[in-house]
Amino acid sequence: MIHQDKQPKFRTGYRARAITALLTLGCGLAGLACAQDAKTIAATVCVACHGEDGNSAIPMFPKIAGLPESYIIKQLRDFQNGRRKSDIMAPVVAALKPEDFVSLASFYSGQKVKPGEAGDKKAASFGKMVYFEGNEETGVPACVGCHQPQGAGHLVYPRISGQHVQYLTQQLKNFASGERSNDVSRFMRVVAKRMSEEEIDSVAAYLADLDSK
């Protein structure tokens, strides 16, 4: 249930699916108080945007399958205390109990992320270089240092391989603008602000189907 913070433009087909997802989410919230476990919450509430197993089919909503438990818990807490803003996630976390955060994190971290659609090959090639080498001239560090060679992440650093291009690019832009500010020690805000739009788009294109490479 880790949403993007700013609503981007998206294609008509995805718009219809997103509206349907939000309507489904509203219905799920109505019965959340009766939910007994993570699987029930996931199947009645989270499924609307994130899919049955955490593999969202709508590019504006992130895939949360395979994310580190500690990262999921932190994001849910940040949504709850307002450190991370989202009109969609706010009512969801408000209806959850603290123990639900832990059980949901355990459930979704155990799911396998499905590779996304392959990005532009030329952009992905440049993105791979940025991911592993960074940009010394502009002070952009290599992404691999925190997110690991296969983009699997670690502890507070999220898994980013297989993630939707649209979601990744929007989050990087949100960090760069300061719209998203719940990163550890301002690190992502500093990095994203130094990245060019081409670097952001290219890294996202490289990561989209990384698991299938």
C-alpha atoms as a PDB file:
ATOM      1  CA  MET A   1       0.000   0.000   0.000  1.00  0.00           C
ATOM      2  CA  ILE A   2       2.831   2.302  -0.784  1.00  0.00           C
ATOM      3  CA  HIS A   3       1.528   4.903  -3.146  1.00  0.00           C
ATOM      4  CA  GLN A   4       3.082   7.639  -5.113  1.00  0.00           C
ATOM      5  CA  ASP A   5       2.664  11.068  -3.667  1.00  0.00           C
ATOM      6  CA  LYS A   6       1.815  13.106  -6.710  1.00  0.00           C
ATOM      7  CA  GLN A   7      -0.734  12.276  -9.360  1.00  0.00           C
ATOM      8  CA  PRO A   8       0.961  12.123 -12.813  1.00  0.00           C
ATOM      9  CA  LYS A   9      -0.669  12.084 -16.214  1.00  0.00           C
ATOM     10  CA  PHE A  10      -1.483   8.617 -17.496  1.00  0.00           C
ATOM     11  CA  ARG A  11      -3.147   6.964 -20.471  1.00  0.00           C
ATOM     12  CA  THR A  12      -6.940   6.654 -20.754  1.00  0.00           C
ATOM     13  CA  GLY A  13      -6.943   2.884 -20.220  1.00  0.00           C
ATOM     14  CA  TYR A  14      -4.920   3.222 -17.046  1.00  0.00           C
ATOM     15  CA  ARG A  15      -7.144   6.100 -15.896  1.00  0.00           C
ATOM     16  CA  ALA A  16     -10.231   3.866 -16.035  1.00  0.00           C
ATOM     17  CA  ARG A  17      -8.419   1.093 -14.166  1.00  0.00           C
ATOM     18  CA  ALA A  18      -7.187   3.558 -11.553  1.00  0.00           C
ATOM     19  CA  ILE A  19     -10.695   4.912 -10.963  1.00  0.00           C
ATOM     20  CA  THR A  20     -12.011   1.366 -10.614  1.00  0.00           C
ATOM     21  CA  ALA A  21      -9.222   0.578  -8.159  1.00  0.00           C
ATOM     22  CA  LEU A  22     -10.042   3.611  -6.021  1.00  0.00           C
ATOM     23  CA  LEU A  23     -13.740   2.695  -5.935  1.00  0.00           C
ATOM     24  CA  THR A  24     -12.813  -0.826  -4.891  1.00  0.00           C
ATOM     25  CA  LEU A  25     -10.520   0.580  -2.234  1.00  0.00           C
ATOM     26  CA  GLY A  26     -13.391   2.606  -0.803  1.00  0.00           C
ATOM     27  CA  CYS A  27     -15.520  -0.507  -0.493  1.00  0.00           C
ATOM     28  CA  GLY A  28     -12.645  -2.404   1.111  1.00  0.00           C
ATOM     29  CA  LEU A  29     -12.091   0.283   3.724  1.00  0.00           C
ATOM     30  CA  ALA A  30     -15.687  -0.070   4.860  1.00  0.00           C
ATOM     31  CA  GLY A  31     -14.969  -3.601   6.058  1.00  0.00           C
ATOM     32  CA  LEU A  32     -11.430  -3.077   7.296  1.00  0.00           C
ATOM     33  CA  ALA A  33     -12.443  -2.977  10.941  1.00  0.00           C
ATOM     34  CA  CYS A  34     -13.545  -6.600  10.657  1.00  0.00           C
ATOM     35  CA  ALA A  35     -10.340  -7.817   9.014  1.00  0.00           C
ATOM     36  CA  GLN A  36      -8.448 -10.371  11.097  1.00  0.00           C
ATOM     37  CA  ASP A  37      -5.106 -10.831   9.351  1.00  0.00           C
ATOM     38  CA  ALA A  38      -2.735  -9.471   6.717  1.00  0.00           C
ATOM     39  CA  LYS A  39      -4.042 -11.742   3.969  1.00  0.00           C
ATOM     40  CA  THR A  40      -7.582 -10.553   4.581  1.00  0.00           C
ATOM     41  CA  ILE A  41      -6.549  -6.889   4.539  1.00  0.00           C
ATOM     42  CA  ALA A  42      -4.451  -7.463   1.415  1.00  0.00           C
ATOM     43  CA  ALA A  43      -7.311  -9.230  -0.359  1.00  0.00           C
ATOM     44  CA  THR A  44     -10.004  -6.699   0.559  1.00  0.00           C
ATOM     45  CA  VAL A  45      -8.181  -3.353   0.640  1.00  0.00           C
ATOM     46  CA  CYS A  46      -4.658  -3.380  -0.785  1.00  0.00           C
ATOM     47  CA  VAL A  47      -5.666  -5.456  -3.810  1.00  0.00           C
ATOM     48  CA  ALA A  48      -7.514  -2.485  -5.305  1.00  0.00           C
ATOM     49  CA  CYS A  49      -4.290  -0.692  -6.173  1.00  0.00           C
ATOM     50  CA  HIS A  50      -1.476  -3.151  -5.570  1.00  0.00           C
ATOM     51  CA  GLY A  51      -2.894  -6.380  -6.962  1.00  0.00           C
ATOM     52  CA  GLU A  52      -3.498  -9.710  -5.239  1.00  0.00           C
ATOM     53  CA  ASP A  53       0.176 -10.402  -4.568  1.00  0.00           C
ATOM     54  CA  GLY A  54       1.604  -6.885  -4.447  1.00  0.00           C
ATOM     55  CA  ASN A  55       2.273  -6.715  -8.179  1.00  0.00           C
ATOM     56  CA  SER A  56       0.301  -3.676  -9.237  1.00  0.00           C
ATOM     57  CA  ALA A  57      -0.940  -3.678 -12.820  1.00  0.00           C
ATOM     58  CA  ILE A  58      -1.446   0.091 -12.841  1.00  0.00           C
ATOM     59  CA  PRO A  59       1.802   2.058 -13.452  1.00  0.00           C
ATOM     60  CA  MET A  60       0.920   4.918 -11.088  1.00  0.00           C
ATOM     61  CA  PHE A  61       0.694   2.485  -8.153  1.00  0.00           C
ATOM     62  CA  PRO A  62       3.910   0.747  -7.029  1.00  0.00           C
ATOM     63  CA  LYS A  63       4.650  -2.935  -6.886  1.00  0.00           C
ATOM     64  CA  ILE A  64       5.213  -3.738  -3.231  1.00  0.00           C
ATOM     65  CA  ALA A  65       5.929  -7.449  -3.600  1.00  0.00           C
ATOM     66  CA  GLY A  66       9.411  -8.327  -2.385  1.00  0.00           C
ATOM     67  CA  LEU A  67      10.094  -5.037  -0.616  1.00  0.00           C
ATOM     68  CA  PRO A  68      12.123  -5.359   2.629  1.00  0.00           C
ATOM     69  CA  GLU A  69       9.897  -5.681   5.713  1.00  0.00           C
ATOM     70  CA  SER A  70      11.584  -2.766   7.463  1.00  0.00           C
ATOM     71  CA  TYR A  71      11.024  -0.521   4.455  1.00  0.00           C
ATOM     72  CA  ILE A  72       7.307  -1.331   4.233  1.00  0.00           C
ATOM     73  CA  ILE A  73       6.830  -0.703   7.948  1.00  0.00           C
ATOM     74  CA  LYS A  74       8.631   2.632   7.710  1.00  0.00           C
ATOM     75  CA  GLN A  75       6.492   3.775   4.769  1.00  0.00           C
ATOM     76  CA  LEU A  76       3.248   2.833   6.523  1.00  0.00           C
ATOM     77  CA  ARG A  77       4.345   4.686   9.651  1.00  0.00           C
ATOM     78  CA  ASP A  78       5.380   7.687   7.580  1.00  0.00           C
ATOM     79  CA  PHE A  79       1.976   7.761   5.896  1.00  0.00           C
ATOM     80  CA  GLN A  80       0.357   7.526   9.320  1.00  0.00           C
ATOM     81  CA  ASN A  81       2.319  10.358  10.920  1.00  0.00           C
ATOM     82  CA  GLY A  82       2.165  12.544   7.820  1.00  0.00           C
ATOM     83  CA  ARG A  83       5.850  12.483   7.023  1.00  0.00           C
ATOM     84  CA  ARG A  84       4.910  11.000   3.654  1.00  0.00           C
ATOM     85  CA  LYS A  85       1.833  12.530   2.050  1.00  0.00           C
ATOM     86  CA  SER A  86      -0.846  10.670   0.108  1.00  0.00           C
ATOM     87  CA  ASP A  87      -4.572  11.341  -0.076  1.00  0.00           C
ATOM     88  CA  ILE A  88      -5.057   7.683  -0.979  1.00  0.00           C
ATOM     89  CA  MET A  89      -2.947   6.105   1.737  1.00  0.00           C
ATOM     90  CA  ALA A  90      -3.975   8.419   4.592  1.00  0.00           C
ATOM     91  CA  PRO A  91      -7.417   6.864   5.199  1.00  0.00           C
ATOM     92  CA  VAL A  92      -6.000   3.364   4.762  1.00  0.00           C
ATOM     93  CA  VAL A  93      -3.321   3.634   7.439  1.00  0.00           C
ATOM     94  CA  ALA A  94      -5.730   5.506   9.721  1.00  0.00           C
ATOM     95  CA  ALA A  95      -7.907   2.401   9.763  1.00  0.00           C
ATOM     96  CA  LEU A  96      -5.029   0.017  10.474  1.00  0.00           C
ATOM     97  CA  LYS A  97      -3.700  -1.090  13.847  1.00  0.00           C
ATOM     98  CA  PRO A  98       0.071  -0.896  14.587  1.00  0.00           C
ATOM     99  CA  GLU A  99       0.333  -4.680  14.535  1.00  0.00           C
ATOM    100  CA  ASP A 100      -1.160  -4.696  11.039  1.00  0.00           C
ATOM    101  CA  PHE A 101       1.907  -2.862   9.754  1.00  0.00           C
ATOM    102  CA  VAL A 102       4.158  -5.720  10.805  1.00  0.00           C
ATOM    103  CA  SER A 103       1.929  -8.475   9.456  1.00  0.00           C
ATOM    104  CA  LEU A 104       1.375  -6.708   6.132  1.00  0.00           C
ATOM    105  CA  ALA A 105       5.100  -6.072   5.777  1.00  0.00           C
ATOM    106  CA  SER A 106       5.813  -9.749   6.404  1.00  0.00           C
ATOM    107  CA  PHE A 107       3.166 -10.815   3.881  1.00  0.00           C
ATOM    108  CA  TYR A 108       4.264  -8.547   1.044  1.00  0.00           C
ATOM    109  CA  SER A 109       7.990  -9.001   1.570  1.00  0.00           C
ATOM    110  CA  GLY A 110       7.435 -12.711   1.005  1.00  0.00           C
ATOM    111  CA  GLN A 111       5.788 -12.215  -2.380  1.00  0.00           C
ATOM    112  CA  LYS A 112       7.806 -12.407  -5.593  1.00  0.00           C
ATOM    113  CA  VAL A 113       7.942  -9.294  -7.734  1.00  0.00           C
ATOM    114  CA  LYS A 114       7.129  -9.772 -11.403  1.00  0.00           C
ATOM    115  CA  PRO A 115       9.434  -8.077 -13.952  1.00  0.00           C
ATOM    116  CA  GLY A 116       7.936  -5.046 -15.616  1.00  0.00           C
ATOM    117  CA  GLU A 117       7.749  -4.129 -19.261  1.00  0.00           C
ATOM    118  CA  ALA A 118      11.098  -3.551 -20.917  1.00  0.00           C
ATOM    119  CA  GLY A 119      12.009   0.100 -21.208  1.00  0.00           C
ATOM    120  CA  ASP A 120      13.592   1.805 -24.209  1.00  0.00           C
ATOM    121  CA  LYS A 121      16.796  -0.133 -24.960  1.00  0.00           C
ATOM    122  CA  LYS A 122      18.924   2.920 -25.642  1.00  0.00           C
ATOM    123  CA  ALA A 123      17.707   4.659 -22.506  1.00  0.00           C
ATOM    124  CA  ALA A 124      18.133   1.473 -20.461  1.00  0.00           C
ATOM    125  CA  SER A 125      21.749   1.164 -21.611  1.00  0.00           C
ATOM    126  CA  PHE A 126      22.528   4.669 -20.376  1.00  0.00           C
ATOM    127  CA  GLY A 127      20.516   3.990 -17.229  1.00  0.00           C
ATOM    128  CA  LYS A 128      22.619   0.933 -16.476  1.00  0.00           C
ATOM    129  CA  MET A 129      25.759   3.046 -16.630  1.00  0.00           C
ATOM    130  CA  VAL A 130      24.294   5.614 -14.231  1.00  0.00           C
ATOM    131  CA  TYR A 131      23.055   2.865 -11.917  1.00  0.00           C
ATOM    132  CA  PHE A 132      26.475   1.239 -11.594  1.00  0.00           C
ATOM    133  CA  GLU A 133      28.784   4.230 -12.046  1.00  0.00           C
ATOM    134  CA  GLY A 134      26.817   7.348 -11.154  1.00  0.00           C
ATOM    135  CA  ASN A 135      27.902  10.699 -12.560  1.00  0.00           C
ATOM    136  CA  GLU A 136      31.113  11.978 -11.032  1.00  0.00           C
ATOM    137  CA  GLU A 137      30.836  15.379 -12.708  1.00  0.00           C
ATOM    138  CA  THR A 138      27.501  16.202 -11.111  1.00  0.00           C
ATOM    139  CA  GLY A 139      27.984  14.282  -7.879  1.00  0.00           C
ATOM    140  CA  VAL A 140      25.391  11.592  -8.564  1.00  0.00           C
ATOM    141  CA  PRO A 141      26.472   8.435  -6.692  1.00  0.00           C
ATOM    142  CA  ALA A 142      25.996   4.969  -8.143  1.00  0.00           C
ATOM    143  CA  CYS A 143      22.577   3.574  -7.232  1.00  0.00           C
ATOM    144  CA  VAL A 144      24.092   0.126  -6.731  1.00  0.00           C
ATOM    145  CA  GLY A 145      25.712   1.254  -3.485  1.00  0.00           C
ATOM    146  CA  CYS A 146      22.374   1.186  -1.622  1.00  0.00           C
ATOM    147  CA  HIS A 147      20.042  -0.787  -3.859  1.00  0.00           C
ATOM    148  CA  GLN A 148      22.383  -3.705  -4.656  1.00  0.00           C
ATOM    149  CA  PRO A 149      23.461  -5.064  -8.094  1.00  0.00           C
ATOM    150  CA  GLN A 150      20.071  -6.599  -8.883  1.00  0.00           C
ATOM    151  CA  GLY A 151      18.088  -3.726  -7.401  1.00  0.00           C
ATOM    152  CA  ALA A 152      16.890  -5.905  -4.507  1.00  0.00           C
ATOM    153  CA  GLY A 153      17.463  -3.228  -1.859  1.00  0.00           C
ATOM    154  CA  HIS A 154      18.352  -3.854   1.780  1.00  0.00           C
ATOM    155  CA  LEU A 155      16.635  -2.922   5.060  1.00  0.00           C
ATOM    156  CA  VAL A 156      15.613   0.754   4.647  1.00  0.00           C
ATOM    157  CA  TYR A 157      16.553   0.768   0.953  1.00  0.00           C
ATOM    158  CA  PRO A 158      13.682  -0.506  -1.214  1.00  0.00           C
ATOM    159  CA  ARG A 159      13.719  -3.083  -3.941  1.00  0.00           C
ATOM    160  CA  ILE A 160      13.485  -1.097  -7.185  1.00  0.00           C
ATOM    161  CA  SER A 161      14.065  -3.762  -9.836  1.00  0.00           C
ATOM    162  CA  GLY A 162      10.921  -4.637 -11.761  1.00  0.00           C
ATOM    163  CA  GLN A 163       9.193  -1.449 -10.609  1.00  0.00           C
ATOM    164  CA  HIS A 164       6.946   0.527 -12.943  1.00  0.00           C
ATOM    165  CA  VAL A 165       8.803   3.172 -14.965  1.00  0.00           C
ATOM    166  CA  GLN A 166       6.064   5.715 -14.320  1.00  0.00           C
ATOM    167  CA  TYR A 167       6.178   5.205 -10.561  1.00  0.00           C
ATOM    168  CA  LEU A 168       9.973   5.325 -10.337  1.00  0.00           C
ATOM    169  CA  THR A 169      10.322   8.484 -12.408  1.00  0.00           C
ATOM    170  CA  GLN A 170       7.595  10.237 -10.433  1.00  0.00           C
ATOM    171  CA  GLN A 171       9.171   9.336  -7.081  1.00  0.00           C
ATOM    172  CA  LEU A 172      12.592  10.571  -8.178  1.00  0.00           C
ATOM    173  CA  LYS A 173      11.013  13.825  -9.345  1.00  0.00           C
ATOM    174  CA  ASN A 174       9.127  14.109  -6.059  1.00  0.00           C
ATOM    175  CA  PHE A 175      12.367  13.672  -4.132  1.00  0.00           C
ATOM    176  CA  ALA A 176      14.082  16.239  -6.344  1.00  0.00           C
ATOM    177  CA  SER A 177      11.343  18.820  -5.760  1.00  0.00           C
ATOM    178  CA  GLY A 178      11.059  18.049  -2.066  1.00  0.00           C
ATOM    179  CA  GLU A 179       7.441  16.927  -2.430  1.00  0.00           C
ATOM    180  CA  ARG A 180       8.534  13.614  -0.971  1.00  0.00           C
ATOM    181  CA  SER A 181      10.738  14.073   2.061  1.00  0.00           C
ATOM    182  CA  ASN A 182      10.704  10.882   4.099  1.00  0.00           C
ATOM    183  CA  ASP A 183      14.102   9.638   2.925  1.00  0.00           C
ATOM    184  CA  VAL A 184      16.834   8.762   5.415  1.00  0.00           C
ATOM    185  CA  SER A 185      19.131  11.734   6.098  1.00  0.00           C
ATOM    186  CA  ARG A 186      17.803  13.591   3.025  1.00  0.00           C
ATOM    187  CA  PHE A 187      19.928  11.287   0.879  1.00  0.00           C
ATOM    188  CA  MET A 188      17.438  10.689  -1.943  1.00  0.00           C
ATOM    189  CA  ARG A 189      16.479  14.345  -2.095  1.00  0.00           C
ATOM    190  CA  VAL A 190      20.108  15.311  -2.595  1.00  0.00           C
ATOM    191  CA  VAL A 191      20.746  12.590  -5.185  1.00  0.00           C
ATOM    192  CA  ALA A 192      17.548  13.124  -7.182  1.00  0.00           C
ATOM    193  CA  LYS A 193      18.086  16.876  -7.310  1.00  0.00           C
ATOM    194  CA  ARG A 194      21.468  16.279  -8.958  1.00  0.00           C
ATOM    195  CA  MET A 195      20.053  13.921 -11.573  1.00  0.00           C
ATOM    196  CA  SER A 196      19.077  15.192 -15.002  1.00  0.00           C
ATOM    197  CA  GLU A 197      15.686  14.273 -16.441  1.00  0.00           C
ATOM    198  CA  GLU A 198      17.463  11.984 -18.894  1.00  0.00           C
ATOM    199  CA  GLU A 199      19.231  10.179 -16.056  1.00  0.00           C
ATOM    200  CA  ILE A 200      15.968   9.735 -14.156  1.00  0.00           C
ATOM    201  CA  ASP A 201      14.121   8.360 -17.182  1.00  0.00           C
ATOM    202  CA  SER A 202      17.030   6.114 -18.167  1.00  0.00           C
ATOM    203  CA  VAL A 203      17.577   4.580 -14.737  1.00  0.00           C
ATOM    204  CA  ALA A 204      13.845   3.840 -14.509  1.00  0.00           C
ATOM    205  CA  ALA A 205      13.926   2.235 -17.966  1.00  0.00           C
ATOM    206  CA  TYR A 206      16.874   0.041 -16.940  1.00  0.00           C
ATOM    207  CA  LEU A 207      15.226  -1.108 -13.701  1.00  0.00           C
ATOM    208  CA  ALA A 208      11.814  -1.907 -15.193  1.00  0.00           C
ATOM    209  CA  ASP A 209      12.668  -5.446 -16.301  1.00  0.00           C
ATOM    210  CA  LEU A 210      15.943  -5.940 -14.463  1.00  0.00           C
ATOM    211  CA  ASP A 211      14.869  -9.280 -12.992  1.00  0.00           C
ATOM    212  CA  SER A 212      14.349 -10.709 -16.458  1.00  0.00           C
ATOM    213  CA  LYS A 213      17.821  -9.715 -17.732  1.00  0.00           C
END
